[in-house]
Amino acid sequence: MGIKDLIDFLNNLEEGNIFYKLNKVRKEAIMVEIAVPGQRWGVEFMEDGSVEIEKFISDGEFYDVNEIETIIKDFSD
């Protein structure tokens, strides 16, 4: 897949009114971050033409303010 495929994909997202933003996390890829209800998708278009997709799916749970301490404790350097 090439740049035309990326542009076509973005056009399809826009036509479907699906929120996305572009990001660059790895040197060899452009990431399309997609937000839909209950899910976040990371779709990376790699320089070699491949595409990698990672899905983050909500468990439906909501947490209170105490979870802020958890994220700081568990994920700080």
PDB file of N, CA and C in Angstrom:
ATOM      1  N   MET A   1       0.849  -1.175   0.000  1.00  0.00           N
ATOM      2  CA  MET A   1       0.000   0.000   0.000  1.00  0.00           C
ATOM      3  C   MET A   1       0.895   1.238   0.000  1.00  0.00           C
ATOM      4  N   GLY A   2       0.463   2.243  -0.724  1.00  0.00           N
ATOM      5  CA  GLY A   2       1.244   3.460  -0.835  1.00  0.00           C
ATOM      6  C   GLY A   2       0.477   4.683  -0.366  1.00  0.00           C
ATOM      7  N   ILE A   3       1.010   5.842  -0.727  1.00  0.00           N
ATOM      8  CA  ILE A   3       0.414   7.105  -0.286  1.00  0.00           C
ATOM      9  C   ILE A   3      -1.021   7.259  -0.800  1.00  0.00           C
ATOM     10  N   LYS A   4      -1.288   6.790  -2.015  1.00  0.00           N
ATOM     11  CA  LYS A   4      -2.655   6.881  -2.544  1.00  0.00           C
ATOM     12  C   LYS A   4      -3.621   6.090  -1.666  1.00  0.00           C
ATOM     13  N   ASP A   5      -3.187   4.928  -1.209  1.00  0.00           N
ATOM     14  CA  ASP A   5      -4.036   4.112  -0.333  1.00  0.00           C
ATOM     15  C   ASP A   5      -4.293   4.821   0.995  1.00  0.00           C
ATOM     16  N   LEU A   6      -3.275   5.483   1.529  1.00  0.00           N
ATOM     17  CA  LEU A   6      -3.451   6.246   2.762  1.00  0.00           C
ATOM     18  C   LEU A   6      -4.452   7.370   2.549  1.00  0.00           C
ATOM     19  N   ILE A   7      -4.314   8.095   1.471  1.00  0.00           N
ATOM     20  CA  ILE A   7      -5.236   9.202   1.174  1.00  0.00           C
ATOM     21  C   ILE A   7      -6.652   8.673   0.968  1.00  0.00           C
ATOM     22  N   ASP A   8      -6.800   7.586   0.240  1.00  0.00           N
ATOM     23  CA  ASP A   8      -8.125   6.983   0.045  1.00  0.00           C
ATOM     24  C   ASP A   8      -8.738   6.569   1.376  1.00  0.00           C
ATOM     25  N   PHE A   9      -7.920   5.988   2.257  1.00  0.00           N
ATOM     26  CA  PHE A   9      -8.391   5.571   3.573  1.00  0.00           C
ATOM     27  C   PHE A   9      -8.878   6.775   4.367  1.00  0.00           C
ATOM     28  N   LEU A  10      -8.098   7.858   4.369  1.00  0.00           N
ATOM     29  CA  LEU A  10      -8.496   9.070   5.093  1.00  0.00           C
ATOM     30  C   LEU A  10      -9.782   9.654   4.513  1.00  0.00           C
ATOM     31  N   ASN A  11      -9.894   9.648   3.197  1.00  0.00           N
ATOM     32  CA  ASN A  11     -11.121  10.140   2.559  1.00  0.00           C
ATOM     33  C   ASN A  11     -12.331   9.307   2.981  1.00  0.00           C
ATOM     34  N   ASN A  12     -12.152   7.999   3.061  1.00  0.00           N
ATOM     35  CA  ASN A  12     -13.252   7.125   3.498  1.00  0.00           C
ATOM     36  C   ASN A  12     -13.655   7.408   4.939  1.00  0.00           C
ATOM     37  N   LEU A  13     -12.674   7.639   5.804  1.00  0.00           N
ATOM     38  CA  LEU A  13     -12.985   7.992   7.187  1.00  0.00           C
ATOM     39  C   LEU A  13     -13.782   9.291   7.236  1.00  0.00           C
ATOM     40  N   GLU A  14     -13.339  10.292   6.472  1.00  0.00           N
ATOM     41  CA  GLU A  14     -14.031  11.579   6.452  1.00  0.00           C
ATOM     42  C   GLU A  14     -15.453  11.436   5.922  1.00  0.00           C
ATOM     43  N   GLU A  15     -15.626  10.663   4.861  1.00  0.00           N
ATOM     44  CA  GLU A  15     -16.960  10.458   4.299  1.00  0.00           C
ATOM     45  C   GLU A  15     -17.875   9.758   5.303  1.00  0.00           C
ATOM     46  N   GLY A  16     -17.301   8.913   6.162  1.00  0.00           N
ATOM     47  CA  GLY A  16     -18.079   8.219   7.176  1.00  0.00           C
ATOM     48  C   GLY A  16     -18.201   9.000   8.478  1.00  0.00           C
ATOM     49  N   ASN A  17     -17.680  10.236   8.477  1.00  0.00           N
ATOM     50  CA  ASN A  17     -17.694  11.077   9.687  1.00  0.00           C
ATOM     51  C   ASN A  17     -17.045  10.371  10.878  1.00  0.00           C
ATOM     52  N   ILE A  18     -15.940   9.677  10.617  1.00  0.00           N
ATOM     53  CA  ILE A  18     -15.195   8.984  11.660  1.00  0.00           C
ATOM     54  C   ILE A  18     -14.004   9.857  12.047  1.00  0.00           C
ATOM     55  N   PHE A  19     -13.905  10.169  13.353  1.00  0.00           N
ATOM     56  CA  PHE A  19     -12.839  11.035  13.835  1.00  0.00           C
ATOM     57  C   PHE A  19     -11.497  10.329  13.748  1.00  0.00           C
ATOM     58  N   TYR A  20     -10.495  11.061  13.257  1.00  0.00           N
ATOM     59  CA  TYR A  20      -9.132  10.542  13.234  1.00  0.00           C
ATOM     60  C   TYR A  20      -8.155  11.696  13.359  1.00  0.00           C
ATOM     61  N   LYS A  21      -6.932  11.342  13.698  1.00  0.00           N
ATOM     62  CA  LYS A  21      -5.839  12.301  13.635  1.00  0.00           C
ATOM     63  C   LYS A  21      -4.591  11.554  13.195  1.00  0.00           C
ATOM     64  N   LEU A  22      -3.685  12.280  12.590  1.00  0.00           N
ATOM     65  CA  LEU A  22      -2.435  11.687  12.117  1.00  0.00           C
ATOM     66  C   LEU A  22      -1.365  11.871  13.176  1.00  0.00           C
ATOM     67  N   ASN A  23      -0.483  10.882  13.262  1.00  0.00           N
ATOM     68  CA  ASN A  23       0.600  10.917  14.218  1.00  0.00           C
ATOM     69  C   ASN A  23       1.788  10.178  13.618  1.00  0.00           C
ATOM     70  N   LYS A  24       2.939  10.383  14.197  1.00  0.00           N
ATOM     71  CA  LYS A  24       4.138   9.663  13.768  1.00  0.00           C
ATOM     72  C   LYS A  24       4.860   9.189  15.012  1.00  0.00           C
ATOM     73  N   VAL A  25       4.837   7.875  15.248  1.00  0.00           N
ATOM     74  CA  VAL A  25       5.437   7.301  16.433  1.00  0.00           C
ATOM     75  C   VAL A  25       6.756   6.608  16.074  1.00  0.00           C
ATOM     76  N   ARG A  26       6.767   5.960  14.918  1.00  0.00           N
ATOM     77  CA  ARG A  26       7.975   5.257  14.465  1.00  0.00           C
ATOM     78  C   ARG A  26       8.547   5.962  13.241  1.00  0.00           C
ATOM     79  N   LYS A  27       9.840   5.852  13.047  1.00  0.00           N
ATOM     80  CA  LYS A  27      10.508   6.510  11.914  1.00  0.00           C
ATOM     81  C   LYS A  27       9.963   6.047  10.572  1.00  0.00           C
ATOM     82  N   GLU A  28       9.531   4.798  10.508  1.00  0.00           N
ATOM     83  CA  GLU A  28       9.153   4.195   9.227  1.00  0.00           C
ATOM     84  C   GLU A  28       7.654   4.123   8.994  1.00  0.00           C
ATOM     85  N   ALA A  29       6.862   4.931   9.733  1.00  0.00           N
ATOM     86  CA  ALA A  29       5.413   4.792   9.599  1.00  0.00           C
ATOM     87  C   ALA A  29       4.686   6.099   9.861  1.00  0.00           C
ATOM     88  N   ILE A  30       3.501   6.187   9.278  1.00  0.00           N
ATOM     89  CA  ILE A  30       2.540   7.240   9.595  1.00  0.00           C
ATOM     90  C   ILE A  30       1.358   6.551  10.258  1.00  0.00           C
ATOM     91  N   MET A  31       0.958   7.075  11.412  1.00  0.00           N
ATOM     92  CA  MET A  31      -0.140   6.457  12.153  1.00  0.00           C
ATOM     93  C   MET A  31      -1.418   7.269  11.994  1.00  0.00           C
ATOM     94  N   VAL A  32      -2.500   6.557  11.767  1.00  0.00           N
ATOM     95  CA  VAL A  32      -3.833   7.153  11.787  1.00  0.00           C
ATOM     96  C   VAL A  32      -4.475   6.675  13.079  1.00  0.00           C
ATOM     97  N   GLU A  33      -4.740   7.618  13.991  1.00  0.00           N
ATOM     98  CA  GLU A  33      -5.391   7.297  15.248  1.00  0.00           C
ATOM     99  C   GLU A  33      -6.886   7.545  15.079  1.00  0.00           C
ATOM    100  N   ILE A  34      -7.677   6.510  15.315  1.00  0.00           N
ATOM    101  CA  ILE A  34      -9.120   6.574  15.077  1.00  0.00           C
ATOM    102  C   ILE A  34      -9.849   6.394  16.403  1.00  0.00           C
ATOM    103  N   ALA A  35     -10.851   7.245  16.625  1.00  0.00           N
ATOM    104  CA  ALA A  35     -11.667   7.150  17.835  1.00  0.00           C
ATOM    105  C   ALA A  35     -13.114   6.893  17.442  1.00  0.00           C
ATOM    106  N   VAL A  36     -13.619   5.747  17.881  1.00  0.00           N
ATOM    107  CA  VAL A  36     -15.033   5.407  17.703  1.00  0.00           C
ATOM    108  C   VAL A  36     -15.560   5.000  19.077  1.00  0.00           C
ATOM    109  N   PRO A  37     -16.862   4.994  19.289  1.00  0.00           N
ATOM    110  CA  PRO A  37     -17.389   4.679  20.617  1.00  0.00           C
ATOM    111  C   PRO A  37     -16.840   3.359  21.176  1.00  0.00           C
ATOM    112  N   GLY A  38     -16.199   3.447  22.341  1.00  0.00           N
ATOM    113  CA  GLY A  38     -15.687   2.276  23.021  1.00  0.00           C
ATOM    114  C   GLY A  38     -14.401   1.706  22.468  1.00  0.00           C
ATOM    115  N   GLN A  39     -13.843   2.344  21.433  1.00  0.00           N
ATOM    116  CA  GLN A  39     -12.630   1.804  20.821  1.00  0.00           C
ATOM    117  C   GLN A  39     -11.711   2.918  20.355  1.00  0.00           C
ATOM    118  N   ARG A  40     -10.422   2.606  20.361  1.00  0.00           N
ATOM    119  CA  ARG A  40      -9.406   3.436  19.730  1.00  0.00           C
ATOM    120  C   ARG A  40      -8.605   2.498  18.833  1.00  0.00           C
ATOM    121  N   TRP A  41      -8.348   2.941  17.618  1.00  0.00           N
ATOM    122  CA  TRP A  41      -7.577   2.143  16.671  1.00  0.00           C
ATOM    123  C   TRP A  41      -6.308   2.908  16.301  1.00  0.00           C
ATOM    124  N   GLY A  42      -5.220   2.187  16.171  1.00  0.00           N
ATOM    125  CA  GLY A  42      -3.989   2.734  15.619  1.00  0.00           C
ATOM    126  C   GLY A  42      -3.697   1.993  14.333  1.00  0.00           C
ATOM    127  N   VAL A  43      -3.773   2.699  13.212  1.00  0.00           N
ATOM    128  CA  VAL A  43      -3.517   2.092  11.903  1.00  0.00           C
ATOM    129  C   VAL A  43      -2.237   2.716  11.366  1.00  0.00           C
ATOM    130  N   GLU A  44      -1.177   1.908  11.247  1.00  0.00           N
ATOM    131  CA  GLU A  44       0.100   2.425  10.796  1.00  0.00           C
ATOM    132  C   GLU A  44       0.395   1.982   9.375  1.00  0.00           C
ATOM    133  N   PHE A  45       0.640   2.953   8.538  1.00  0.00           N
ATOM    134  CA  PHE A  45       1.040   2.723   7.153  1.00  0.00           C
ATOM    135  C   PHE A  45       2.563   2.767   7.123  1.00  0.00           C
ATOM    136  N   MET A  46       3.173   1.610   6.883  1.00  0.00           N
ATOM    137  CA  MET A  46       4.622   1.460   6.962  1.00  0.00           C
ATOM    138  C   MET A  46       5.278   1.831   5.632  1.00  0.00           C
ATOM    139  N   GLU A  47       6.548   2.243   5.701  1.00  0.00           N
ATOM    140  CA  GLU A  47       7.257   2.644   4.486  1.00  0.00           C
ATOM    141  C   GLU A  47       7.437   1.497   3.498  1.00  0.00           C
ATOM    142  N   ASP A  48       7.397   0.259   3.966  1.00  0.00           N
ATOM    143  CA  ASP A  48       7.540  -0.890   3.061  1.00  0.00           C
ATOM    144  C   ASP A  48       6.226  -1.279   2.392  1.00  0.00           C
ATOM    145  N   GLY A  49       5.142  -0.510   2.672  1.00  0.00           N
ATOM    146  CA  GLY A  49       3.851  -0.777   2.050  1.00  0.00           C
ATOM    147  C   GLY A  49       2.899  -1.602   2.897  1.00  0.00           C
ATOM    148  N   SER A  50       3.392  -2.139   3.999  1.00  0.00           N
ATOM    149  CA  SER A  50       2.510  -2.925   4.864  1.00  0.00           C
ATOM    150  C   SER A  50       1.700  -2.000   5.770  1.00  0.00           C
ATOM    151  N   VAL A  51       0.669  -2.570   6.375  1.00  0.00           N
ATOM    152  CA  VAL A  51      -0.196  -1.828   7.292  1.00  0.00           C
ATOM    153  C   VAL A  51      -0.325  -2.652   8.567  1.00  0.00           C
ATOM    154  N   GLU A  52      -0.151  -1.988   9.710  1.00  0.00           N
ATOM    155  CA  GLU A  52      -0.329  -2.644  11.000  1.00  0.00           C
ATOM    156  C   GLU A  52      -1.474  -1.967  11.734  1.00  0.00           C
ATOM    157  N   ILE A  53      -2.365  -2.767  12.295  1.00  0.00           N
ATOM    158  CA  ILE A  53      -3.532  -2.227  12.998  1.00  0.00           C
ATOM    159  C   ILE A  53      -3.542  -2.769  14.429  1.00  0.00           C
ATOM    160  N   GLU A  54      -3.689  -1.852  15.368  1.00  0.00           N
ATOM    161  CA  GLU A  54      -3.832  -2.234  16.771  1.00  0.00           C
ATOM    162  C   GLU A  54      -5.129  -1.629  17.278  1.00  0.00           C
ATOM    163  N   LYS A  55      -5.937  -2.450  17.976  1.00  0.00           N
ATOM    164  CA  LYS A  55      -7.219  -1.992  18.514  1.00  0.00           C
ATOM    165  C   LYS A  55      -7.155  -1.952  20.035  1.00  0.00           C
ATOM    166  N   PHE A  56      -7.713  -0.888  20.597  1.00  0.00           N
ATOM    167  CA  PHE A  56      -7.850  -0.756  22.040  1.00  0.00           C
ATOM    168  C   PHE A  56      -9.345  -0.702  22.315  1.00  0.00           C
ATOM    169  N   ILE A  57      -9.856  -1.734  22.951  1.00  0.00           N
ATOM    170  CA  ILE A  57     -11.294  -1.868  23.133  1.00  0.00           C
ATOM    171  C   ILE A  57     -11.634  -1.726  24.616  1.00  0.00           C
ATOM    172  N   SER A  58     -12.583  -0.865  24.916  1.00  0.00           N
ATOM    173  CA  SER A  58     -12.991  -0.599  26.290  1.00  0.00           C
ATOM    174  C   SER A  58     -13.688  -1.804  26.897  1.00  0.00           C
ATOM    175  N   ASP A  59     -13.479  -1.984  28.195  1.00  0.00           N
ATOM    176  CA  ASP A  59     -14.188  -3.037  28.904  1.00  0.00           C
ATOM    177  C   ASP A  59     -15.540  -2.548  29.414  1.00  0.00           C
ATOM    178  N   GLY A  60     -15.874  -1.288  29.091  1.00  0.00           N
ATOM    179  CA  GLY A  60     -17.161  -0.738  29.485  1.00  0.00           C
ATOM    180  C   GLY A  60     -17.202  -0.190  30.902  1.00  0.00           C
ATOM    181  N   GLU A  61     -16.107  -0.315  31.620  1.00  0.00           N
ATOM    182  CA  GLU A  61     -16.042   0.158  33.000  1.00  0.00           C
ATOM    183  C   GLU A  61     -15.635   1.626  33.036  1.00  0.00           C
ATOM    184  N   PHE A  62     -16.162   2.346  34.007  1.00  0.00           N
ATOM    185  CA  PHE A  62     -15.744   3.718  34.277  1.00  0.00           C
ATOM    186  C   PHE A  62     -15.161   3.738  35.677  1.00  0.00           C
ATOM    187  N   TYR A  63     -14.145   4.563  35.864  1.00  0.00           N
ATOM    188  CA  TYR A  63     -13.425   4.599  37.133  1.00  0.00           C
ATOM    189  C   TYR A  63     -13.475   5.995  37.728  1.00  0.00           C
ATOM    190  N   ASP A  64     -13.253   6.062  39.043  1.00  0.00           N
ATOM    191  CA  ASP A  64     -13.263   7.365  39.689  1.00  0.00           C
ATOM    192  C   ASP A  64     -11.863   7.978  39.684  1.00  0.00           C
ATOM    193  N   VAL A  65     -11.736   9.120  40.319  1.00  0.00           N
ATOM    194  CA  VAL A  65     -10.502   9.892  40.320  1.00  0.00           C
ATOM    195  C   VAL A  65      -9.320   9.126  40.924  1.00  0.00           C
ATOM    196  N   ASN A  66      -9.572   8.121  41.724  1.00  0.00           N
ATOM    197  CA  ASN A  66      -8.489   7.348  42.329  1.00  0.00           C
ATOM    198  C   ASN A  66      -7.627   6.623  41.298  1.00  0.00           C
ATOM    199  N   GLU A  67      -8.152   6.392  40.119  1.00  0.00           N
ATOM    200  CA  GLU A  67      -7.372   5.735  39.065  1.00  0.00           C
ATOM    201  C   GLU A  67      -6.206   6.590  38.601  1.00  0.00           C
ATOM    202  N   ILE A  68      -6.274   7.898  38.819  1.00  0.00           N
ATOM    203  CA  ILE A  68      -5.154   8.768  38.441  1.00  0.00           C
ATOM    204  C   ILE A  68      -3.894   8.329  39.173  1.00  0.00           C
ATOM    205  N   GLU A  69      -4.017   7.987  40.447  1.00  0.00           N
ATOM    206  CA  GLU A  69      -2.869   7.509  41.219  1.00  0.00           C
ATOM    207  C   GLU A  69      -2.312   6.218  40.630  1.00  0.00           C
ATOM    208  N   THR A  70      -3.185   5.356  40.153  1.00  0.00           N
ATOM    209  CA  THR A  70      -2.753   4.088  39.566  1.00  0.00           C
ATOM    210  C   THR A  70      -1.906   4.308  38.331  1.00  0.00           C
ATOM    211  N   ILE A  71      -2.348   5.177  37.445  1.00  0.00           N
ATOM    212  CA  ILE A  71      -1.583   5.389  36.215  1.00  0.00           C
ATOM    213  C   ILE A  71      -0.222   6.017  36.505  1.00  0.00           C
ATOM    214  N   ILE A  72      -0.163   6.935  37.469  1.00  0.00           N
ATOM    215  CA  ILE A  72       1.116   7.548  37.824  1.00  0.00           C
ATOM    216  C   ILE A  72       2.045   6.504  38.456  1.00  0.00           C
ATOM    217  N   LYS A  73       1.513   5.727  39.378  1.00  0.00           N
ATOM    218  CA  LYS A  73       2.318   4.714  40.077  1.00  0.00           C
ATOM    219  C   LYS A  73       2.813   3.633  39.108  1.00  0.00           C
ATOM    220  N   ASP A  74       1.957   3.144  38.242  1.00  0.00           N
ATOM    221  CA  ASP A  74       2.286   2.009  37.387  1.00  0.00           C
ATOM    222  C   ASP A  74       3.100   2.362  36.133  1.00  0.00           C
ATOM    223  N   PHE A  75       3.011   3.615  35.677  1.00  0.00           N
ATOM    224  CA  PHE A  75       3.600   3.921  34.377  1.00  0.00           C
ATOM    225  C   PHE A  75       4.629   5.039  34.378  1.00  0.00           C
ATOM    226  N   SER A  76       4.955   5.590  35.519  1.00  0.00           N
ATOM    227  CA  SER A  76       6.006   6.610  35.580  1.00  0.00           C
ATOM    228  C   SER A  76       7.379   5.965  35.463  1.00  0.00           C
ATOM    229  N   ASP A  77       8.313   6.700  34.898  1.00  0.00           N
ATOM    230  CA  ASP A  77       9.694   6.209  34.793  1.00  0.00           C
ATOM    231  C   ASP A  77      10.399   6.248  36.120  1.00  0.00           C
TER     232      ASP A  77
END
